[in-house]
Amino acid sequence: MCCLLNLVKELLVGPLQIALFAVWALSGLFLIALVLMHSGKGTGVSDMIASSLYNSSAATGVMEQNLDKLTVIVAVVFSISVVLCMFFFPQGIVGL
């Protein structure tokens, strides 16, 4: 039983590691982009980027709500991938 668990663990670490880190990296980059797209209160980077997206005042509320929902979903995916990395690779990855 112990040998079987070790074999399964060795076989899954490679592809699981690659998939988990890909999800982690892509969700992190996408989360940064989504946060920067939110309309800001001042004249910062988010206002500069988002000002071209929110020209009409009628659609701003709907677009902002959709952007909020998408940001929350991506943040949850990012958080889950971080927690999974913590459980599957508690000692870190040697050589990566």
Protein backbone atom coordinates (compact mmCIF):
# COMPACT_ATOMS: atom_id res chain seq x y z
CA MET A 1 0.00 0.00 0.00
CA CYS A 2 2.81 2.40 0.89
CA CYS A 3 4.67 1.68 -2.36
CA LEU A 4 1.50 2.28 -4.35
CA LEU A 5 0.96 5.68 -2.70
CA ASN A 6 4.54 6.69 -3.38
CA LEU A 7 4.23 5.64 -7.02
CA VAL A 8 1.01 7.62 -7.48
CA LYS A 9 2.57 10.63 -5.76
CA GLU A 10 5.65 10.50 -8.02
CA LEU A 11 3.55 10.20 -11.18
CA LEU A 12 1.23 13.09 -10.29
CA VAL A 13 3.83 15.57 -9.06
CA GLY A 14 5.15 16.43 -12.55
CA PRO A 15 1.93 17.18 -14.45
CA LEU A 16 0.14 18.42 -11.34
CA GLN A 17 3.00 20.77 -10.57
CA ILE A 18 3.01 22.20 -14.09
CA ALA A 19 -0.78 22.62 -14.23
CA LEU A 20 -1.00 24.14 -10.77
CA PHE A 21 1.78 26.64 -11.39
CA ALA A 22 0.30 27.57 -14.78
CA VAL A 23 -3.10 28.25 -13.16
CA TRP A 24 -1.39 30.18 -10.37
CA ALA A 25 0.68 32.36 -12.72
CA LEU A 26 -2.10 33.05 -15.23
CA SER A 27 -4.68 33.83 -12.56
CA GLY A 28 -2.19 36.14 -10.84
CA LEU A 29 -1.48 38.09 -14.02
CA PHE A 30 -5.18 38.21 -14.92
CA LEU A 31 -6.03 39.40 -11.40
CA ILE A 32 -3.52 42.25 -11.67
CA ALA A 33 -5.01 43.28 -15.02
CA LEU A 34 -8.57 43.16 -13.68
CA VAL A 35 -7.73 45.22 -10.61
CA LEU A 36 -6.08 47.85 -12.79
CA MET A 37 -9.17 48.00 -15.02
CA HIS A 38 -11.43 49.08 -12.15
CA SER A 39 -12.37 52.72 -12.26
CA GLY A 40 -10.37 54.58 -9.68
CA LYS A 41 -11.32 57.45 -7.42
CA GLY A 42 -8.48 59.65 -8.60
CA THR A 43 -6.08 60.05 -11.47
CA GLY A 44 -3.93 56.97 -10.96
CA VAL A 45 -2.93 54.17 -13.27
CA SER A 46 -6.32 52.47 -12.95
CA ASP A 47 -8.12 55.66 -14.02
CA MET A 48 -5.77 56.08 -16.97
CA ILE A 49 -6.35 52.51 -18.19
CA ALA A 50 -10.07 52.29 -17.41
CA SER A 51 -11.05 55.72 -18.73
CA SER A 52 -11.14 54.45 -22.31
CA LEU A 53 -13.37 51.52 -21.30
CA TYR A 54 -16.02 53.57 -19.48
CA ASN A 55 -16.99 56.39 -21.82
CA SER A 56 -20.78 56.15 -21.54
CA SER A 57 -22.21 56.74 -18.10
CA ALA A 58 -25.24 54.46 -18.69
CA ALA A 59 -23.20 51.30 -19.22
CA THR A 60 -20.64 52.07 -16.53
CA GLY A 61 -22.64 50.50 -13.70
CA VAL A 62 -23.28 47.25 -15.55
CA MET A 63 -19.72 46.97 -16.79
CA GLU A 64 -18.36 47.72 -13.33
CA GLN A 65 -20.59 45.05 -11.77
CA ASN A 66 -19.46 42.47 -14.33
CA LEU A 67 -15.85 43.46 -13.74
CA ASP A 68 -16.39 43.08 -9.98
CA LYS A 69 -17.81 39.57 -10.42
CA LEU A 70 -14.99 38.51 -12.72
CA THR A 71 -12.39 39.91 -10.32
CA VAL A 72 -13.88 37.96 -7.42
CA ILE A 73 -13.93 34.74 -9.46
CA VAL A 74 -10.30 35.14 -10.52
CA ALA A 75 -9.29 36.02 -6.95
CA VAL A 76 -10.94 32.83 -5.67
CA VAL A 77 -9.16 30.75 -8.35
CA PHE A 78 -5.86 32.38 -7.41
CA SER A 79 -6.44 31.76 -3.70
CA ILE A 80 -7.37 28.12 -4.24
CA SER A 81 -4.27 27.56 -6.38
CA VAL A 82 -2.06 29.08 -3.68
CA VAL A 83 -3.63 26.87 -1.00
CA LEU A 84 -3.26 23.78 -3.20
CA CYS A 85 0.40 24.62 -3.79
CA MET A 86 0.85 24.94 -0.05
CA PHE A 87 -0.66 21.49 0.59
CA PHE A 88 0.88 19.58 -2.32
CA PHE A 89 4.35 21.14 -2.12
CA PRO A 90 5.00 22.10 1.53
CA GLN A 91 8.80 22.09 1.15
CA GLY A 92 8.82 24.05 -2.10
CA ILE A 93 10.14 22.89 -5.43
CA VAL A 94 13.82 22.04 -5.62
CA GLY A 95 15.48 23.08 -8.86
CA LEU A 96 12.68 25.30 -10.13
